[in-house]
Amino acid sequence: MDIRPGVKLIAETEGSGQPVKKGDRVTVRLNCWLNQGDLIQENLVEEIEIGKRVVIAGIEYSLEGMKLGGKRKVKISPHLGYKEVGVDNVIPPNAVLVYEIELLEVKPSS
């Protein structure tokens, strides 16, 4: 199922409470692999304000609608990731990324 064009939902555990929306500040745990299975990052905990674009667009789109305690595994196309640039010696250009996202905390917008 596509969350948006370029972000494919592979698996989901729903969680509970109100869905995440723009303006909310969330804390998430991220694991990331290249589509070929190479682990890039593991157990990275980040605080993100939805709508500020401090992370790649594919992550923000994946977070919208999640609920506290929820988990998603998503596949993100390059145009919503690191595009043709990549990240030096870590993510090659035009890489398809697979993320596991766990929503640990939600601070709703006012």
C-alpha atoms as a PDB file:
ATOM      1  CA  MET A   1       0.000   0.000   0.000  1.00  0.00           C
ATOM      2  CA  ASP A   2       1.312   3.454  -0.859  1.00  0.00           C
ATOM      3  CA  ILE A   3       1.254   6.091   1.880  1.00  0.00           C
ATOM      4  CA  ARG A   4       2.045   8.638  -0.841  1.00  0.00           C
ATOM      5  CA  PRO A   5       3.617   8.161  -4.245  1.00  0.00           C
ATOM      6  CA  GLY A   6       7.195   7.120  -3.489  1.00  0.00           C
ATOM      7  CA  VAL A   7       6.500   5.778   0.030  1.00  0.00           C
ATOM      8  CA  LYS A   8       5.303   2.180   0.212  1.00  0.00           C
ATOM      9  CA  LEU A   9       4.006   0.731   3.486  1.00  0.00           C
ATOM     10  CA  ILE A  10       5.428  -2.776   3.960  1.00  0.00           C
ATOM     11  CA  ALA A  11       4.170  -3.566   7.487  1.00  0.00           C
ATOM     12  CA  GLU A  12       2.430  -1.731  10.309  1.00  0.00           C
ATOM     13  CA  THR A  13       1.530  -2.056  13.977  1.00  0.00           C
ATOM     14  CA  GLU A  14      -1.078   0.640  14.560  1.00  0.00           C
ATOM     15  CA  GLY A  15      -0.513   2.042  18.064  1.00  0.00           C
ATOM     16  CA  SER A  16      -3.136   4.143  19.849  1.00  0.00           C
ATOM     17  CA  GLY A  17      -4.244   7.721  20.392  1.00  0.00           C
ATOM     18  CA  GLN A  18      -4.504  10.613  17.982  1.00  0.00           C
ATOM     19  CA  PRO A  19      -2.803  10.378  14.571  1.00  0.00           C
ATOM     20  CA  VAL A  20       0.345  12.481  14.071  1.00  0.00           C
ATOM     21  CA  LYS A  21      -0.212  15.660  12.045  1.00  0.00           C
ATOM     22  CA  LYS A  22       1.793  18.658  10.853  1.00  0.00           C
ATOM     23  CA  GLY A  23       3.061  20.764  13.727  1.00  0.00           C
ATOM     24  CA  ASP A  24       3.324  17.830  16.153  1.00  0.00           C
ATOM     25  CA  ARG A  25       6.728  17.136  17.716  1.00  0.00           C
ATOM     26  CA  VAL A  26       7.498  13.422  17.790  1.00  0.00           C
ATOM     27  CA  THR A  27      10.268  11.195  19.103  1.00  0.00           C
ATOM     28  CA  VAL A  28      10.992   8.168  16.937  1.00  0.00           C
ATOM     29  CA  ARG A  29      13.389   5.249  16.752  1.00  0.00           C
ATOM     30  CA  LEU A  30      14.730   4.622  13.245  1.00  0.00           C
ATOM     31  CA  ASN A  31      16.480   1.689  11.617  1.00  0.00           C
ATOM     32  CA  CYS A  32      17.505   2.062   7.976  1.00  0.00           C
ATOM     33  CA  TRP A  33      18.720  -0.295   5.262  1.00  0.00           C
ATOM     34  CA  LEU A  34      19.563   0.079   1.631  1.00  0.00           C
ATOM     35  CA  ASN A  35      17.054  -1.827  -0.501  1.00  0.00           C
ATOM     36  CA  GLN A  36      19.733  -4.522  -1.014  1.00  0.00           C
ATOM     37  CA  GLY A  37      19.749  -5.205   2.752  1.00  0.00           C
ATOM     38  CA  ASP A  38      22.857  -3.299   3.923  1.00  0.00           C
ATOM     39  CA  LEU A  39      22.223  -1.770   7.371  1.00  0.00           C
ATOM     40  CA  ILE A  40      22.898   1.991   7.424  1.00  0.00           C
ATOM     41  CA  GLN A  41      21.687   3.063  10.872  1.00  0.00           C
ATOM     42  CA  GLU A  42      20.320   1.225  13.857  1.00  0.00           C
ATOM     43  CA  ASN A  43      18.337   2.422  16.875  1.00  0.00           C
ATOM     44  CA  LEU A  44      18.730   6.114  16.045  1.00  0.00           C
ATOM     45  CA  VAL A  45      16.386   8.134  18.293  1.00  0.00           C
ATOM     46  CA  GLU A  46      15.349  11.493  16.837  1.00  0.00           C
ATOM     47  CA  GLU A  47      12.969  14.286  17.803  1.00  0.00           C
ATOM     48  CA  ILE A  48      11.218  15.682  14.735  1.00  0.00           C
ATOM     49  CA  GLU A  49       8.722  18.513  14.277  1.00  0.00           C
ATOM     50  CA  ILE A  50       6.405  17.452  11.477  1.00  0.00           C
ATOM     51  CA  GLY A  51       6.338  19.984   8.655  1.00  0.00           C
ATOM     52  CA  LYS A  52       9.773  21.539   9.364  1.00  0.00           C
ATOM     53  CA  ARG A  53      11.572  19.195   6.910  1.00  0.00           C
ATOM     54  CA  VAL A  54      14.503  18.411   9.200  1.00  0.00           C
ATOM     55  CA  VAL A  55      14.464  14.846   7.844  1.00  0.00           C
ATOM     56  CA  ILE A  56      13.959  13.477   4.347  1.00  0.00           C
ATOM     57  CA  ALA A  57      10.454  13.918   2.949  1.00  0.00           C
ATOM     58  CA  GLY A  58       9.843  10.156   2.905  1.00  0.00           C
ATOM     59  CA  ILE A  59      10.271   9.958   6.687  1.00  0.00           C
ATOM     60  CA  GLU A  60       7.894  12.877   7.302  1.00  0.00           C
ATOM     61  CA  TYR A  61       5.261  11.375   5.023  1.00  0.00           C
ATOM     62  CA  SER A  62       5.669   8.028   6.817  1.00  0.00           C
ATOM     63  CA  LEU A  63       5.110   9.644  10.228  1.00  0.00           C
ATOM     64  CA  GLU A  64       1.901  11.485   9.324  1.00  0.00           C
ATOM     65  CA  GLY A  65      -1.039   9.460  10.584  1.00  0.00           C
ATOM     66  CA  MET A  66       0.999   7.203  12.886  1.00  0.00           C
ATOM     67  CA  LYS A  67      -0.189   6.720  16.468  1.00  0.00           C
ATOM     68  CA  LEU A  68       1.773   6.485  19.716  1.00  0.00           C
ATOM     69  CA  GLY A  69       3.473   3.091  20.058  1.00  0.00           C
ATOM     70  CA  GLY A  70       2.928   2.388  16.383  1.00  0.00           C
ATOM     71  CA  LYS A  71       5.554   0.889  14.104  1.00  0.00           C
ATOM     72  CA  ARG A  72       5.908   1.097  10.351  1.00  0.00           C
ATOM     73  CA  LYS A  73       8.253  -0.457   7.866  1.00  0.00           C
ATOM     74  CA  VAL A  74       8.388   1.605   4.687  1.00  0.00           C
ATOM     75  CA  LYS A  75      10.234   1.646   1.387  1.00  0.00           C
ATOM     76  CA  ILE A  76      11.212   5.152   0.248  1.00  0.00           C
ATOM     77  CA  SER A  77      11.992   6.039  -3.368  1.00  0.00           C
ATOM     78  CA  PRO A  78      15.111   8.118  -4.087  1.00  0.00           C
ATOM     79  CA  HIS A  79      13.150  11.290  -4.964  1.00  0.00           C
ATOM     80  CA  LEU A  80      11.841  11.384  -1.361  1.00  0.00           C
ATOM     81  CA  GLY A  81      15.194  10.356   0.106  1.00  0.00           C
ATOM     82  CA  TYR A  82      18.675  11.521  -0.778  1.00  0.00           C
ATOM     83  CA  LYS A  83      17.970  11.819  -4.510  1.00  0.00           C
ATOM     84  CA  GLU A  84      20.869  11.694  -6.963  1.00  0.00           C
ATOM     85  CA  VAL A  85      23.253  13.103  -4.345  1.00  0.00           C
ATOM     86  CA  GLY A  86      23.312  10.331  -1.718  1.00  0.00           C
ATOM     87  CA  VAL A  87      25.418  10.671   1.441  1.00  0.00           C
ATOM     88  CA  ASP A  88      29.219  10.346   1.205  1.00  0.00           C
ATOM     89  CA  ASN A  89      30.353   6.739   1.637  1.00  0.00           C
ATOM     90  CA  VAL A  90      27.062   5.805   3.339  1.00  0.00           C
ATOM     91  CA  ILE A  91      24.116   6.104   0.938  1.00  0.00           C
ATOM     92  CA  PRO A  92      24.747   5.833  -2.795  1.00  0.00           C
ATOM     93  CA  PRO A  93      23.050   8.169  -5.275  1.00  0.00           C
ATOM     94  CA  ASN A  94      19.484   7.187  -6.233  1.00  0.00           C
ATOM     95  CA  ALA A  95      19.227   4.686  -3.371  1.00  0.00           C
ATOM     96  CA  VAL A  96      15.922   3.084  -2.404  1.00  0.00           C
ATOM     97  CA  LEU A  97      15.775   3.044   1.407  1.00  0.00           C
ATOM     98  CA  VAL A  98      13.887   0.778   3.809  1.00  0.00           C
ATOM     99  CA  TYR A  99      13.069   2.235   7.239  1.00  0.00           C
ATOM    100  CA  GLU A 100      11.587   0.747  10.372  1.00  0.00           C
ATOM    101  CA  ILE A 101       9.997   3.570  12.352  1.00  0.00           C
ATOM    102  CA  GLU A 102       8.719   3.321  15.925  1.00  0.00           C
ATOM    103  CA  LEU A 103       6.751   6.246  17.374  1.00  0.00           C
ATOM    104  CA  LEU A 104       7.939   6.691  20.974  1.00  0.00           C
ATOM    105  CA  GLU A 105       6.401  10.050  21.962  1.00  0.00           C
ATOM    106  CA  VAL A 106       4.022  12.659  20.580  1.00  0.00           C
ATOM    107  CA  LYS A 107       3.773  16.279  21.693  1.00  0.00           C
ATOM    108  CA  PRO A 108       0.722  17.684  19.915  1.00  0.00           C
ATOM    109  CA  SER A 109       0.836  21.146  18.358  1.00  0.00           C
ATOM    110  CA  SER A 110      -1.059  23.859  20.219  1.00  0.00           C
END
